[in-house]
Amino acid sequence: MMLTKAQISKRITAAGCVTALLAIVIGILLTLPALAALPSTDASWKAPDVDAKQTLAIYSGGGKVTVEQAIAWAKEWTGTARRVYMFPYPEQMYEKAARSVAIERIALAKFEELKLAEKPGWKIAEKLIESKALMSLFYDDKWTGYNPTQQEKDEFAKENPQMALMPRPTGGPEASLADAYPDYQRPNKPDWLIWQLRGQHSAKIMGEFFEEAARKYPIDCVEHDKWEAANDDDVLFKVAKISLTAKDIKDLSEIAGHKFESCWNILQLGDHGEPLIMLGELAREKGYANRDEFPEALKAAKKEWIVATMKARMVEDLLTEFVPSEQAIQDYYDNEWKGMQDQIMKCDFIVCPVDYSDPSSSASAKALAAELIMKLQQGAKFDDLLKEYPECRYQSPTERHVQPEYSGGFNSPAIAGTAVGDVALDSVEDYGGHCVIRVLENKPPAKTPLEYCRGACIGELEFRHKNQTTGDVDGSILNKYNFAIQKSVMSQLTKEKS
């Protein structure tokens, strides 16, 4: 099964990866939440004058992040031409740096602990990683290879005045912090314009390269039924010279820590995607594997791949290990559980029978029931009426659930509102006739007892945990490892305006 560009886009959309596709393949990098990802090409990066050997953050197992490591991360990620971060104030940057370094070290340690480099699947993974490295090198080259003229910059600024100026926070605490550091790691106007124009240029040329890659190196993946029935030597996945058998994929899934159900599992592993492989193979054709920069790009791609794959494994561990405490279950039940039991009525009946072969019988029985209800309201005894009207019969007590969202029968206010010991003012048709109802018990709606909704409470807590974990992967992992910033050291880093 060859995957077309439309199919790839559809699959990426279904996986919620549209932004990733645009950023990686098309080159539009302007999806900027607030100021969390603004670029800088400013070469005059200056670190604070503090002791770089101090520990900025700690985490379980004796792990630590030094000031030196955090500064190195910050310099790299605020000074790289294409993949960059921008921060409105220094504390946010150094906290992000410390968290990122810790996550990376935890993930790499996990990889070593599991000895995954010794597994057969690692050799398979390296083929995919090489494609990613080639793609990144190819894209970086096309990005930095374009240098807009002054005329192009002037025209862009004139036609796009809002985009010509780098956005800044306008309200809240971030605005005041940003104002305190007006020049903090922000590119000047020419740098910002160059970045914008390179983004537009890349959107055009990388789109063309993507079309070429999809045409020359389409992904061939077997249908699902063949995937399930494959023998070890059957080829299930192929693109260019990369050919994976069922056995290869089993070995690769061991690295991932879960069974692969389709080719999409292969493509997503290690933060991959189909365009990466196709563009990587196009870059190989164009000779990028022979470039001097390739070994360093491959080294970086391996580290990124390992970190992404280990983070995914650690998230799965966090989800499967989660067991809510008894106190958590009780607290959820007490404070958040809204489930209610229906109103429950226990009643016995005098049944005025209906002969369903006689069309007029139902009306006669209903009239008789109304007559009995009137006599009971006037003081007649329930048992005496059974003797007085031998054509009627007694129906022993049963429980009925009252559901106000429905109408008629026991749900009608004339019956549901009847007090214990009284007779309802209306009859219902049941038990083969029209019934006079005597209420023996009337329990109002009540919160579902915990023993009946315990499983549902646990399910809600598990669902919440999953959303919280997957919504903040790094934070969830760091919480498990008791990550903590050393505030005294952070204050040294941020007391001076860099």
Protein backbone atom coordinates (compact mmCIF):
# COMPACT_ATOMS: atom_id res chain seq x y z
CA MET A 1 0.00 0.00 0.00
CA MET A 2 1.66 3.21 -1.20
CA LEU A 3 0.90 6.22 0.98
CA THR A 4 0.15 9.36 -0.98
CA LYS A 5 0.64 12.91 0.28
CA ALA A 6 -3.11 13.19 0.88
CA GLN A 7 -3.09 9.96 2.89
CA ILE A 8 -0.10 11.13 4.87
CA SER A 9 -1.76 14.45 5.64
CA LYS A 10 -4.93 12.64 6.66
CA ARG A 11 -3.02 10.31 8.95
CA ILE A 12 -1.06 13.12 10.49
CA THR A 13 -4.28 15.07 11.01
CA ALA A 14 -5.89 12.04 12.64
CA ALA A 15 -2.92 11.74 14.97
CA GLY A 16 -3.19 15.40 15.98
CA CYS A 17 0.17 16.27 14.39
CA VAL A 18 -0.78 18.99 11.93
CA THR A 19 1.43 21.58 13.64
CA ALA A 20 4.37 19.17 13.58
CA LEU A 21 3.86 18.49 9.87
CA LEU A 22 3.86 22.21 9.07
CA ALA A 23 6.87 22.93 11.22
CA ILE A 24 8.98 20.02 9.98
CA VAL A 25 7.92 19.64 6.38
CA ILE A 26 6.52 22.94 5.16
CA GLY A 27 8.74 25.09 7.32
CA ILE A 28 6.12 27.44 8.74
CA LEU A 29 7.42 28.00 12.22
CA LEU A 30 5.23 30.90 13.28
CA THR A 31 2.79 28.98 15.50
CA LEU A 32 3.93 30.90 18.55
CA PRO A 33 2.10 30.47 21.87
CA ALA A 34 2.72 33.76 23.69
CA LEU A 35 6.52 34.18 23.78
CA ALA A 36 7.47 30.59 24.47
CA ALA A 37 9.02 29.88 21.08
CA LEU A 38 10.30 33.08 19.57
CA PRO A 39 13.57 32.85 17.67
CA SER A 40 16.83 34.64 18.14
CA THR A 41 19.79 34.94 15.81
CA ASP A 42 21.56 37.35 18.14
CA ALA A 43 25.19 36.24 18.39
CA SER A 44 25.90 38.45 21.40
CA TRP A 45 24.49 36.01 23.93
CA LYS A 46 25.88 36.80 27.39
CA ALA A 47 25.63 34.55 30.45
CA PRO A 48 25.47 35.89 34.01
CA ASP A 49 28.72 36.04 35.94
CA VAL A 50 28.03 33.29 38.50
CA ASP A 51 29.77 30.11 39.65
CA ALA A 52 28.94 27.67 36.82
CA LYS A 53 29.67 24.62 38.97
CA GLN A 54 26.76 25.27 41.33
CA THR A 55 23.79 22.92 41.30
CA LEU A 56 20.72 24.60 39.83
CA ALA A 57 18.36 21.63 40.18
CA ILE A 58 18.25 18.19 41.75
CA TYR A 59 16.23 15.02 41.16
CA SER A 60 15.98 11.49 42.53
CA GLY A 61 18.92 9.12 42.41
CA GLY A 62 21.50 11.81 43.04
CA GLY A 63 20.78 13.57 39.76
CA LYS A 64 21.65 17.22 39.38
CA VAL A 65 21.76 19.98 36.79
CA THR A 66 24.57 22.49 37.10
CA VAL A 67 24.45 26.15 36.19
CA GLU A 68 26.97 25.39 33.45
CA GLN A 69 24.68 22.79 31.87
CA ALA A 70 21.66 25.10 32.03
CA ILE A 71 23.58 27.97 30.44
CA ALA A 72 24.84 25.67 27.67
CA TRP A 73 21.27 24.60 26.91
CA ALA A 74 20.03 28.18 26.95
CA LYS A 75 22.79 29.39 24.62
CA GLU A 76 22.07 26.60 22.14
CA TRP A 77 18.30 26.98 22.11
CA THR A 78 18.19 30.78 21.94
CA GLY A 79 20.92 31.06 19.34
CA THR A 80 20.19 28.38 16.73
CA ALA A 81 18.90 29.77 13.47
CA ARG A 82 15.87 27.54 12.92
CA ARG A 83 15.01 25.52 16.03
CA VAL A 84 15.00 28.07 18.79
CA TYR A 85 13.27 29.21 21.95
CA MET A 86 12.68 32.74 23.15
CA PHE A 87 11.76 33.70 26.67
CA PRO A 88 10.31 36.91 28.07
CA TYR A 89 12.45 36.88 31.21
CA PRO A 90 15.49 34.97 32.49
CA GLU A 91 13.93 32.83 35.21
CA GLN A 92 11.62 31.18 32.70
CA MET A 93 14.54 30.41 30.43
CA TYR A 94 16.76 28.88 33.11
CA GLU A 95 13.94 26.84 34.57
CA LYS A 96 13.17 25.47 31.10
CA ALA A 97 16.86 24.76 30.64
CA ALA A 98 17.16 22.88 33.93
CA ARG A 99 14.02 20.85 33.25
CA SER A 100 15.15 19.98 29.73
CA VAL A 101 18.61 18.91 30.83
CA ALA A 102 17.13 16.75 33.61
CA ILE A 103 14.65 15.08 31.25
CA GLU A 104 17.40 14.36 28.76
CA ARG A 105 19.67 12.82 31.40
CA ILE A 106 16.84 10.76 32.89
CA ALA A 107 15.85 9.45 29.45
CA LEU A 108 19.42 8.59 28.45
CA ALA A 109 19.95 6.81 31.77
CA LYS A 110 16.75 4.83 31.19
CA PHE A 111 18.03 3.78 27.77
CA GLU A 112 21.26 2.54 29.34
CA GLU A 113 19.44 0.84 32.21
CA LEU A 114 17.30 -1.17 29.77
CA LYS A 115 20.39 -1.97 27.65
CA LEU A 116 18.41 -1.20 24.53
CA ALA A 117 21.52 -0.56 22.41
CA GLU A 118 22.26 -4.28 22.80
CA LYS A 119 18.84 -5.30 21.47
CA PRO A 120 18.40 -6.38 17.81
CA GLY A 121 15.88 -3.61 17.31
CA TRP A 122 18.48 -0.89 17.86
CA LYS A 123 20.11 -1.60 14.50
CA ILE A 124 16.68 -1.17 12.91
CA ALA A 125 16.12 2.07 14.80
CA GLU A 126 19.44 3.45 13.58
CA LYS A 127 18.20 3.21 9.98
CA LEU A 128 15.24 5.42 10.83
CA ILE A 129 17.36 7.81 12.86
CA GLU A 130 19.73 8.26 9.93
CA SER A 131 16.82 9.40 7.76
CA LYS A 132 15.83 11.91 10.42
CA ALA A 133 19.39 13.25 10.65
CA LEU A 134 19.58 13.62 6.87
CA MET A 135 16.27 15.46 6.75
CA SER A 136 17.33 17.85 9.53
CA LEU A 137 20.63 18.59 7.81
CA PHE A 138 18.85 19.11 4.50
CA TYR A 139 16.30 21.47 6.03
CA ASP A 140 18.89 23.46 7.98
CA ASP A 141 20.90 23.89 4.82
CA LYS A 142 17.91 25.19 2.85
CA TRP A 143 16.90 27.47 5.72
CA THR A 144 20.24 29.15 6.28
CA GLY A 145 21.11 29.13 2.57
CA TYR A 146 18.56 31.82 1.90
CA ASN A 147 19.67 35.39 2.68
CA PRO A 148 17.04 37.98 1.81
CA THR A 149 18.12 41.24 0.25
CA GLN A 150 17.54 44.58 1.96
CA GLN A 151 14.85 45.33 -0.59
CA GLU A 152 13.03 42.10 0.30
CA LYS A 153 13.21 42.95 4.01
CA ASP A 154 11.93 46.47 3.42
CA GLU A 155 9.06 45.24 1.28
CA PHE A 156 8.08 42.58 3.81
CA ALA A 157 8.07 45.11 6.66
CA LYS A 158 5.95 47.51 4.61
CA GLU A 159 3.43 44.85 3.55
CA ASN A 160 3.31 43.10 6.94
CA PRO A 161 3.73 45.76 9.64
CA GLN A 162 2.34 43.53 12.41
CA MET A 163 4.71 40.67 11.56
CA ALA A 164 7.67 42.96 11.18
CA LEU A 165 7.81 43.63 14.92
CA MET A 166 8.46 40.78 17.33
CA PRO A 167 5.42 40.24 19.59
CA ARG A 168 5.64 40.96 23.28
CA PRO A 169 3.30 40.12 26.17
CA THR A 170 0.87 42.99 26.76
CA GLY A 171 -0.75 42.00 30.05
CA GLY A 172 -0.34 40.02 33.25
CA PRO A 173 2.85 39.22 35.17
CA GLU A 174 4.77 38.26 32.02
CA ALA A 175 4.33 41.76 30.63
CA SER A 176 5.86 43.41 33.70
CA LEU A 177 8.70 40.89 33.78
CA ALA A 178 9.37 41.41 30.09
CA ASP A 179 9.41 45.17 30.67
CA ALA A 180 12.06 44.67 33.34
CA TYR A 181 14.26 43.00 30.71
CA PRO A 182 13.46 44.97 27.55
CA ASP A 183 16.47 43.67 25.58
CA TYR A 184 16.69 40.21 27.11
CA GLN A 185 17.74 37.68 24.44
CA ARG A 186 15.55 39.28 21.81
CA PRO A 187 16.63 39.57 18.20
CA ASN A 188 16.88 43.02 16.70
CA LYS A 189 14.54 44.03 13.89
CA PRO A 190 16.83 42.92 11.02
CA ASP A 191 17.30 39.46 12.59
CA TRP A 192 13.56 39.11 13.14
CA LEU A 193 12.80 40.07 9.53
CA ILE A 194 15.38 37.58 8.24
CA TRP A 195 13.80 34.83 10.30
CA GLN A 196 10.31 35.67 8.98
CA LEU A 197 11.47 35.73 5.37
CA ARG A 198 13.37 32.49 5.75
CA GLY A 199 10.20 30.92 7.09
CA GLN A 200 8.24 32.05 4.05
CA HIS A 201 10.97 30.90 1.69
CA SER A 202 11.18 27.50 3.37
CA ALA A 203 7.42 27.08 3.16
CA LYS A 204 7.72 27.27 -0.60
CA ILE A 205 10.83 25.26 -1.33
CA MET A 206 10.29 22.56 1.30
CA GLY A 207 6.78 22.03 -0.02
CA GLU A 208 8.33 21.39 -3.43
CA PHE A 209 10.93 19.04 -1.97
CA PHE A 210 8.22 17.20 -0.08
CA GLU A 211 6.33 16.63 -3.34
CA GLU A 212 9.53 15.31 -4.92
CA ALA A 213 10.26 13.03 -1.96
CA ALA A 214 6.73 11.63 -1.91
CA ARG A 215 6.98 10.91 -5.64
CA LYS A 216 10.42 9.31 -5.57
CA TYR A 217 10.29 7.54 -2.21
CA PRO A 218 6.71 6.58 -1.38
CA ILE A 219 6.15 4.43 1.68
CA ASP A 220 5.02 0.90 0.93
CA CYS A 221 3.13 -0.64 3.84
CA VAL A 222 1.06 -3.82 3.83
CA GLU A 223 -2.63 -3.81 4.66
CA HIS A 224 -3.72 -4.52 8.22
CA ASP A 225 -4.90 -8.09 7.57
CA LYS A 226 -1.53 -9.05 6.03
CA TRP A 227 0.26 -7.31 8.90
CA GLU A 228 -1.52 -9.52 11.43
CA ALA A 229 -0.94 -12.75 9.49
CA ALA A 230 2.68 -12.09 8.45
CA ASN A 231 5.53 -14.57 8.91
CA ASP A 232 8.83 -13.35 10.33
CA ASP A 233 10.47 -13.02 6.90
CA ASP A 234 7.60 -11.15 5.25
CA VAL A 235 8.42 -7.54 4.35
CA LEU A 236 5.80 -5.26 5.92
CA PHE A 237 7.33 -1.82 5.46
CA LYS A 238 9.52 -0.37 2.76
CA VAL A 239 10.78 3.05 1.70
CA ALA A 240 13.79 3.49 -0.57
CA LYS A 241 16.48 1.08 0.72
CA ILE A 242 14.86 0.68 4.13
CA SER A 243 13.01 -2.64 4.18
CA LEU A 244 11.59 -4.06 7.41
CA THR A 245 10.34 -7.61 7.90
CA ALA A 246 7.84 -8.72 10.50
CA LYS A 247 10.79 -9.90 12.63
CA ASP A 248 12.50 -6.50 12.28
CA ILE A 249 9.33 -4.77 13.42
CA LYS A 250 8.97 -7.08 16.43
CA ASP A 251 12.56 -6.24 17.37
CA LEU A 252 11.86 -2.53 16.89
CA SER A 253 8.75 -2.73 19.04
CA GLU A 254 10.92 -4.08 21.85
CA ILE A 255 12.77 -0.77 21.82
CA ALA A 256 9.46 1.08 21.96
CA GLY A 257 8.12 -1.10 24.77
CA HIS A 258 4.81 -1.93 23.12
CA LYS A 259 3.41 -4.00 20.26
CA PHE A 260 3.25 -2.36 16.84
CA GLU A 261 -0.21 -2.57 15.27
CA SER A 262 0.60 -0.83 11.98
CA CYS A 263 3.21 1.13 10.04
CA TRP A 264 2.09 4.26 11.86
CA ASN A 265 3.74 2.91 15.03
CA ILE A 266 7.04 2.74 13.16
CA LEU A 267 6.70 6.25 11.80
CA GLN A 268 5.80 7.79 15.15
CA LEU A 269 8.55 6.04 17.09
CA GLY A 270 11.16 8.45 18.38
CA ASP A 271 9.14 11.49 17.31
CA HIS A 272 9.29 10.37 13.69
CA GLY A 273 6.77 10.97 10.95
CA GLU A 274 6.42 9.80 7.36
CA PRO A 275 7.73 13.03 5.80
CA LEU A 276 10.96 12.68 7.79
CA ILE A 277 11.80 9.35 6.20
CA MET A 278 10.90 10.40 2.67
CA LEU A 279 12.74 13.73 2.92
CA GLY A 280 15.68 11.97 4.55
CA GLU A 281 15.97 9.62 1.61
CA LEU A 282 15.75 12.55 -0.79
CA ALA A 283 18.58 14.21 1.16
CA ARG A 284 20.61 11.00 0.86
CA GLU A 285 20.11 11.07 -2.90
CA LYS A 286 21.39 14.67 -2.92
CA GLY A 287 24.60 13.67 -1.13
CA TYR A 288 23.96 14.98 2.37
CA ALA A 289 25.27 11.75 3.94
CA ASN A 290 28.71 12.67 2.59
CA ARG A 291 28.78 16.13 4.12
CA ASP A 292 31.22 16.97 6.90
CA GLU A 293 28.35 18.07 9.14
CA PHE A 294 26.51 14.76 8.89
CA PRO A 295 28.26 12.84 11.72
CA GLU A 296 27.36 15.60 14.18
CA ALA A 297 23.79 15.75 12.85
CA LEU A 298 23.49 11.98 13.25
CA LYS A 299 24.79 12.13 16.82
CA ALA A 300 22.24 14.81 17.70
CA ALA A 301 19.43 12.89 15.98
CA LYS A 302 20.26 9.73 17.94
CA LYS A 303 20.09 11.58 21.22
CA GLU A 304 16.80 13.25 20.31
CA TRP A 305 15.36 9.93 19.16
CA ILE A 306 16.38 8.12 22.34
CA VAL A 307 15.00 10.90 24.54
CA ALA A 308 11.66 10.97 22.69
CA THR A 309 11.32 7.16 22.77
CA MET A 310 12.24 6.85 26.43
CA LYS A 311 9.84 9.65 27.36
CA ALA A 312 7.06 7.74 25.62
CA ARG A 313 8.00 4.59 27.55
CA MET A 314 8.12 6.45 30.84
CA VAL A 315 4.69 7.93 30.19
CA GLU A 316 3.30 4.43 29.60
CA ASP A 317 4.90 3.36 32.88
CA LEU A 318 3.29 6.28 34.69
CA LEU A 319 -0.12 5.32 33.31
CA THR A 320 0.11 1.61 34.07
CA GLU A 321 1.58 2.15 37.54
CA PHE A 322 -1.14 4.53 38.63
CA VAL A 323 -3.36 3.19 41.42
CA PRO A 324 -5.43 5.81 43.26
CA SER A 325 -5.20 5.67 47.05
CA GLU A 326 -8.23 4.95 49.19
CA GLN A 327 -8.10 8.52 50.41
CA ALA A 328 -8.06 9.83 46.84
CA ILE A 329 -11.08 7.68 45.99
CA GLN A 330 -12.95 8.88 49.09
CA ASP A 331 -12.07 12.52 48.40
CA TYR A 332 -13.26 12.25 44.82
CA TYR A 333 -16.51 10.64 45.97
CA ASP A 334 -17.08 13.24 48.70
CA ASN A 335 -16.23 16.31 46.66
CA GLU A 336 -16.81 15.54 42.99
CA TRP A 337 -19.00 12.52 42.45
CA LYS A 338 -22.41 13.70 41.24
CA GLY A 339 -24.10 10.37 40.57
CA MET A 340 -27.51 9.96 42.24
CA GLN A 341 -29.75 7.02 42.98
CA ASP A 342 -33.38 7.27 41.85
CA GLN A 343 -36.18 7.88 44.27
CA ILE A 344 -37.36 4.41 45.36
CA MET A 345 -40.96 3.68 46.33
CA LYS A 346 -42.11 0.44 47.95
CA CYS A 347 -45.85 -0.10 47.38
CA ASP A 348 -48.58 -2.71 47.52
CA PHE A 349 -51.66 -2.61 45.32
CA ILE A 350 -55.32 -3.34 44.80
CA VAL A 351 -55.58 -4.45 41.17
CA CYS A 352 -58.84 -3.74 39.32
CA PRO A 353 -58.49 -6.29 36.52
CA VAL A 354 -58.88 -5.57 32.82
CA ASP A 355 -60.33 -8.02 30.31
CA TYR A 356 -58.23 -7.10 27.29
CA SER A 357 -60.63 -8.95 24.98
CA ASP A 358 -63.27 -6.37 25.88
CA PRO A 359 -62.50 -2.85 24.51
CA SER A 360 -64.53 -1.18 27.23
CA SER A 361 -62.97 -3.11 30.10
CA SER A 362 -59.98 -0.82 30.62
CA ALA A 363 -62.14 2.27 31.07
CA SER A 364 -64.40 0.40 33.51
CA ALA A 365 -61.41 -0.83 35.54
CA LYS A 366 -59.93 2.69 35.67
CA ALA A 367 -63.25 4.07 36.90
CA LEU A 368 -63.42 1.38 39.56
CA ALA A 369 -59.89 2.22 40.73
CA ALA A 370 -60.89 5.90 40.99
CA GLU A 371 -63.90 4.88 43.11
CA LEU A 372 -61.67 2.88 45.49
CA ILE A 373 -59.21 5.79 45.78
CA MET A 374 -62.04 8.15 46.70
CA LYS A 375 -63.31 5.75 49.40
CA LEU A 376 -59.80 5.39 50.82
CA GLN A 377 -59.48 9.18 50.93
CA GLN A 378 -62.76 9.25 52.89
CA GLY A 379 -61.42 6.82 55.53
CA ALA A 380 -62.11 3.34 54.19
CA LYS A 381 -59.57 0.66 55.05
CA PHE A 382 -57.34 -0.85 52.39
CA ASP A 383 -57.96 -4.46 53.52
CA ASP A 384 -61.71 -3.90 53.89
CA LEU A 385 -62.03 -2.79 50.29
CA LEU A 386 -60.42 -6.01 49.11
CA LYS A 387 -63.24 -7.86 50.85
CA GLU A 388 -65.92 -5.45 49.59
CA TYR A 389 -64.78 -5.77 45.97
CA PRO A 390 -64.07 -9.48 45.40
CA GLU A 391 -63.51 -8.85 41.67
CA CYS A 392 -60.28 -7.02 42.67
CA ARG A 393 -57.15 -8.73 43.91
CA TYR A 394 -54.18 -7.88 46.11
CA GLN A 395 -50.66 -7.44 44.70
CA SER A 396 -47.82 -7.88 47.20
CA PRO A 397 -45.22 -5.10 47.80
CA THR A 398 -42.63 -4.26 45.14
CA GLU A 399 -40.06 -1.49 44.69
CA ARG A 400 -40.30 1.04 41.90
CA HIS A 401 -37.71 3.59 40.74
CA VAL A 402 -39.00 7.10 40.10
CA GLN A 403 -37.29 8.97 37.27
CA PRO A 404 -38.56 12.55 36.99
CA GLU A 405 -37.11 12.99 33.50
CA TYR A 406 -39.83 10.63 32.26
CA SER A 407 -43.57 11.21 32.51
CA GLY A 408 -46.52 9.02 33.45
CA GLY A 409 -46.91 6.10 35.81
CA PHE A 410 -44.84 6.19 38.97
CA ASN A 411 -42.93 9.20 37.60
CA SER A 412 -45.97 11.47 37.82
CA PRO A 413 -46.01 13.88 40.81
CA ALA A 414 -49.45 12.55 41.90
CA ILE A 415 -47.82 9.22 42.66
CA ALA A 416 -44.15 10.08 43.33
CA GLY A 417 -45.12 12.68 45.94
CA THR A 418 -47.33 10.37 47.99
CA ALA A 419 -46.37 10.15 51.68
CA VAL A 420 -45.67 6.85 53.43
CA GLY A 421 -48.94 5.22 54.54
CA ASP A 422 -51.07 7.19 52.11
CA VAL A 423 -52.76 6.10 48.91
CA ALA A 424 -51.78 7.77 45.63
CA LEU A 425 -54.34 10.09 44.08
CA ASP A 426 -54.00 8.40 40.73
CA SER A 427 -53.85 4.80 39.54
CA VAL A 428 -51.42 3.14 37.17
CA GLU A 429 -52.05 0.37 34.70
CA ASP A 430 -49.95 -2.64 35.66
CA TYR A 431 -50.23 -6.25 36.80
CA GLY A 432 -53.07 -6.85 34.35
CA GLY A 433 -55.29 -4.02 35.50
CA HIS A 434 -55.56 -0.53 36.98
CA CYS A 435 -53.80 -0.41 40.35
CA VAL A 436 -54.67 1.47 43.51
CA ILE A 437 -51.31 2.26 45.11
CA ARG A 438 -50.54 2.27 48.82
CA VAL A 439 -47.06 3.66 49.64
CA LEU A 440 -45.15 1.64 52.26
CA GLU A 441 -41.74 3.32 51.80
CA ASN A 442 -40.66 6.39 49.84
CA LYS A 443 -36.92 6.99 49.73
CA PRO A 444 -35.95 10.33 48.15
CA PRO A 445 -33.17 10.56 45.54
CA ALA A 446 -29.76 10.10 47.18
CA LYS A 447 -26.12 10.15 46.25
CA THR A 448 -25.05 6.76 44.97
CA PRO A 449 -23.35 4.82 47.80
CA LEU A 450 -19.60 4.52 47.29
CA GLU A 451 -19.74 0.73 47.17
CA TYR A 452 -21.87 0.99 44.03
CA CYS A 453 -19.83 3.64 42.24
CA ARG A 454 -16.31 2.83 43.41
CA GLY A 455 -15.30 1.47 40.00
CA ALA A 456 -16.62 4.56 38.26
CA CYS A 457 -14.71 6.84 40.69
CA ILE A 458 -11.49 4.93 40.02
CA GLY A 459 -12.13 5.20 36.28
CA GLU A 460 -12.57 8.97 36.54
CA LEU A 461 -9.35 9.30 38.54
CA GLU A 462 -7.48 7.18 35.99
CA PHE A 463 -8.85 9.29 33.15
CA ARG A 464 -7.79 12.48 34.93
CA HIS A 465 -4.34 11.07 35.61
CA LYS A 466 -3.96 10.13 31.94
CA ASN A 467 -4.94 13.62 30.78
CA GLN A 468 -2.62 15.28 33.27
CA THR A 469 0.27 12.97 32.40
CA THR A 470 -0.04 13.23 28.63
CA GLY A 471 -0.82 16.94 28.84
CA ASP A 472 2.46 17.66 30.64
CA VAL A 473 4.82 14.81 29.84
CA ASP A 474 7.98 16.48 31.09
CA GLY A 475 6.31 17.73 34.26
CA SER A 476 4.87 14.29 35.02
CA ILE A 477 8.23 12.58 34.59
CA LEU A 478 10.02 15.21 36.65
CA ASN A 479 7.43 14.92 39.42
CA LYS A 480 8.13 11.20 39.61
CA TYR A 481 11.82 11.99 40.01
CA ASN A 482 11.17 14.74 42.60
CA PHE A 483 12.77 17.42 40.46
CA ALA A 484 13.38 20.67 42.34
CA ILE A 485 14.97 24.02 41.44
CA GLN A 486 17.47 25.41 43.94
CA LYS A 487 15.95 28.85 44.44
CA SER A 488 19.04 30.43 45.92
CA VAL A 489 21.05 29.54 42.83
CA MET A 490 18.27 30.62 40.51
CA SER A 491 18.21 34.03 42.21
CA GLN A 492 21.92 34.43 41.44
CA LEU A 493 21.28 33.64 37.77
CA THR A 494 18.43 36.10 37.43
CA LYS A 495 19.42 39.01 39.67
CA GLU A 496 21.40 40.68 36.89
CA LYS A 497 19.97 41.64 33.53
CA SER A 498 21.90 39.56 31.02
